[in-house]
Amino acid sequence: MKRLTDRALTSGVLVVEFSHTVLERYKMQRVLHILERLTLVLVIAGISLSTLHQSSLGTLFLATPFRLHPLWHTDFLPLLFFIIILASLSDIRL
C-alpha cells in the first residue's frame, strides 16, 4: 500500500507541475493563477519525494546484500545514494 501511495503522490506532483502548459493553451486563467501560487510548494514536494525514493533504494540494497557485488556493499550505501541526489540537484537550473 505504501508503494502505491508513493507512486500516486509522485505522479500527482508531476501532473500538476506539467499542467501549466495545458492550462495556458486552453486559457484557464483562474486555475493557472492558483497553480502559480502553489508552484514553490509543488517543487519542494517533488524534490522531497525523489530524494526519499533514492534513499530508500539505497536501503533496499542493504537489506539484500547478496544482490550487490561485495566490492560495493557498505553500510554507507543510503548516504551514498543521498549524495548522488545532492549532486544531481546541483545540476538543475531554475
Protein backbone atom coordinates (compact mmCIF):
# COMPACT_ATOMS: atom_id res chain seq x y z
CA MET A 1 0.00 0.00 0.00
CA LYS A 2 2.84 2.38 0.82
CA ARG A 3 4.36 1.82 -2.60
CA LEU A 4 1.06 2.66 -4.31
CA THR A 5 0.74 5.84 -2.25
CA ASP A 6 4.29 6.92 -3.15
CA ARG A 7 3.60 6.39 -6.84
CA ALA A 8 0.30 8.25 -6.65
CA LEU A 9 1.94 11.19 -4.87
CA THR A 10 4.83 11.34 -7.31
CA SER A 11 2.53 11.06 -10.33
CA GLY A 12 0.21 13.71 -8.90
CA VAL A 13 3.06 16.15 -8.35
CA LEU A 14 4.35 15.56 -11.90
CA VAL A 15 0.90 16.06 -13.44
CA VAL A 16 0.37 19.32 -11.57
CA GLU A 17 3.87 20.58 -12.40
CA PHE A 18 3.40 19.94 -16.13
CA SER A 19 -0.24 21.04 -16.33
CA HIS A 20 0.87 24.67 -16.59
CA THR A 21 1.29 24.35 -20.36
CA VAL A 22 -2.14 22.80 -20.86
CA LEU A 23 -3.84 25.43 -18.72
CA GLU A 24 -2.15 28.21 -20.71
CA ARG A 25 -3.18 26.61 -24.00
CA TYR A 26 -6.86 26.44 -23.06
CA LYS A 27 -6.80 29.85 -21.32
CA MET A 28 -7.88 28.67 -17.88
CA GLN A 29 -6.58 31.78 -16.15
CA ARG A 30 -8.19 31.24 -12.74
CA VAL A 31 -6.80 27.72 -12.32
CA LEU A 32 -3.46 28.86 -13.73
CA HIS A 33 -3.27 31.64 -11.14
CA ILE A 34 -3.91 29.18 -8.30
CA LEU A 35 -1.32 26.79 -9.73
CA GLU A 36 1.29 29.55 -9.97
CA ARG A 37 0.78 30.33 -6.29
CA LEU A 38 1.38 26.66 -5.41
CA THR A 39 4.42 26.17 -7.65
CA LEU A 40 7.03 26.54 -4.91
CA VAL A 41 5.25 24.04 -2.67
CA LEU A 42 4.95 21.57 -5.55
CA VAL A 43 8.62 21.88 -6.47
CA ILE A 44 9.63 21.24 -2.86
CA ALA A 45 7.29 18.22 -2.73
CA GLY A 46 8.72 16.84 -5.97
CA ILE A 47 12.32 17.18 -4.80
CA SER A 48 11.47 15.65 -1.41
CA LEU A 49 9.70 12.68 -2.96
CA SER A 50 12.54 11.91 -5.37
CA THR A 51 15.11 12.23 -2.57
CA LEU A 52 13.18 9.86 -0.33
CA HIS A 53 12.82 7.42 -3.21
CA GLN A 54 16.55 7.35 -3.94
CA SER A 55 17.43 6.98 -0.27
CA SER A 56 15.04 4.04 0.09
CA LEU A 57 16.69 2.37 -2.92
CA GLY A 58 20.00 2.53 -1.06
CA THR A 59 18.38 0.95 1.99
CA LEU A 60 16.90 -1.80 -0.17
CA PHE A 61 20.37 -2.76 -1.34
CA LEU A 62 21.45 -3.03 2.31
CA ALA A 63 18.55 -5.38 3.04
CA THR A 64 19.57 -7.68 0.15
CA PRO A 65 23.38 -7.81 0.20
CA PHE A 66 23.50 -10.95 -1.98
CA ARG A 67 22.24 -8.88 -4.96
CA LEU A 68 25.13 -6.44 -4.71
CA HIS A 69 28.77 -7.15 -5.53
CA PRO A 70 30.87 -7.36 -2.32
CA LEU A 71 33.07 -4.55 -3.61
CA TRP A 72 30.13 -2.12 -3.48
CA HIS A 73 28.45 -3.33 -0.29
CA THR A 74 28.86 -0.84 2.54
CA ASP A 75 26.74 0.39 5.43
CA PHE A 76 27.01 3.89 3.98
CA LEU A 77 25.03 2.95 0.87
CA PRO A 78 21.92 5.05 1.74
CA LEU A 79 24.20 8.02 2.38
CA LEU A 80 25.90 7.49 -0.99
CA PHE A 81 22.51 7.47 -2.73
CA PHE A 82 21.64 10.72 -0.92
CA ILE A 83 24.94 12.30 -2.03
CA ILE A 84 24.12 11.33 -5.62
CA ILE A 85 20.79 13.17 -5.26
CA LEU A 86 22.54 16.29 -3.98
CA ALA A 87 24.99 16.15 -6.87
CA SER A 88 22.17 15.83 -9.39
CA LEU A 89 20.23 18.70 -7.78
CA SER A 90 23.23 20.97 -8.20
CA ASP A 91 22.89 20.45 -11.96
CA ILE A 92 19.30 21.77 -12.03
CA ARG A 93 18.98 25.27 -13.43
CA LEU A 94 15.98 27.31 -12.29
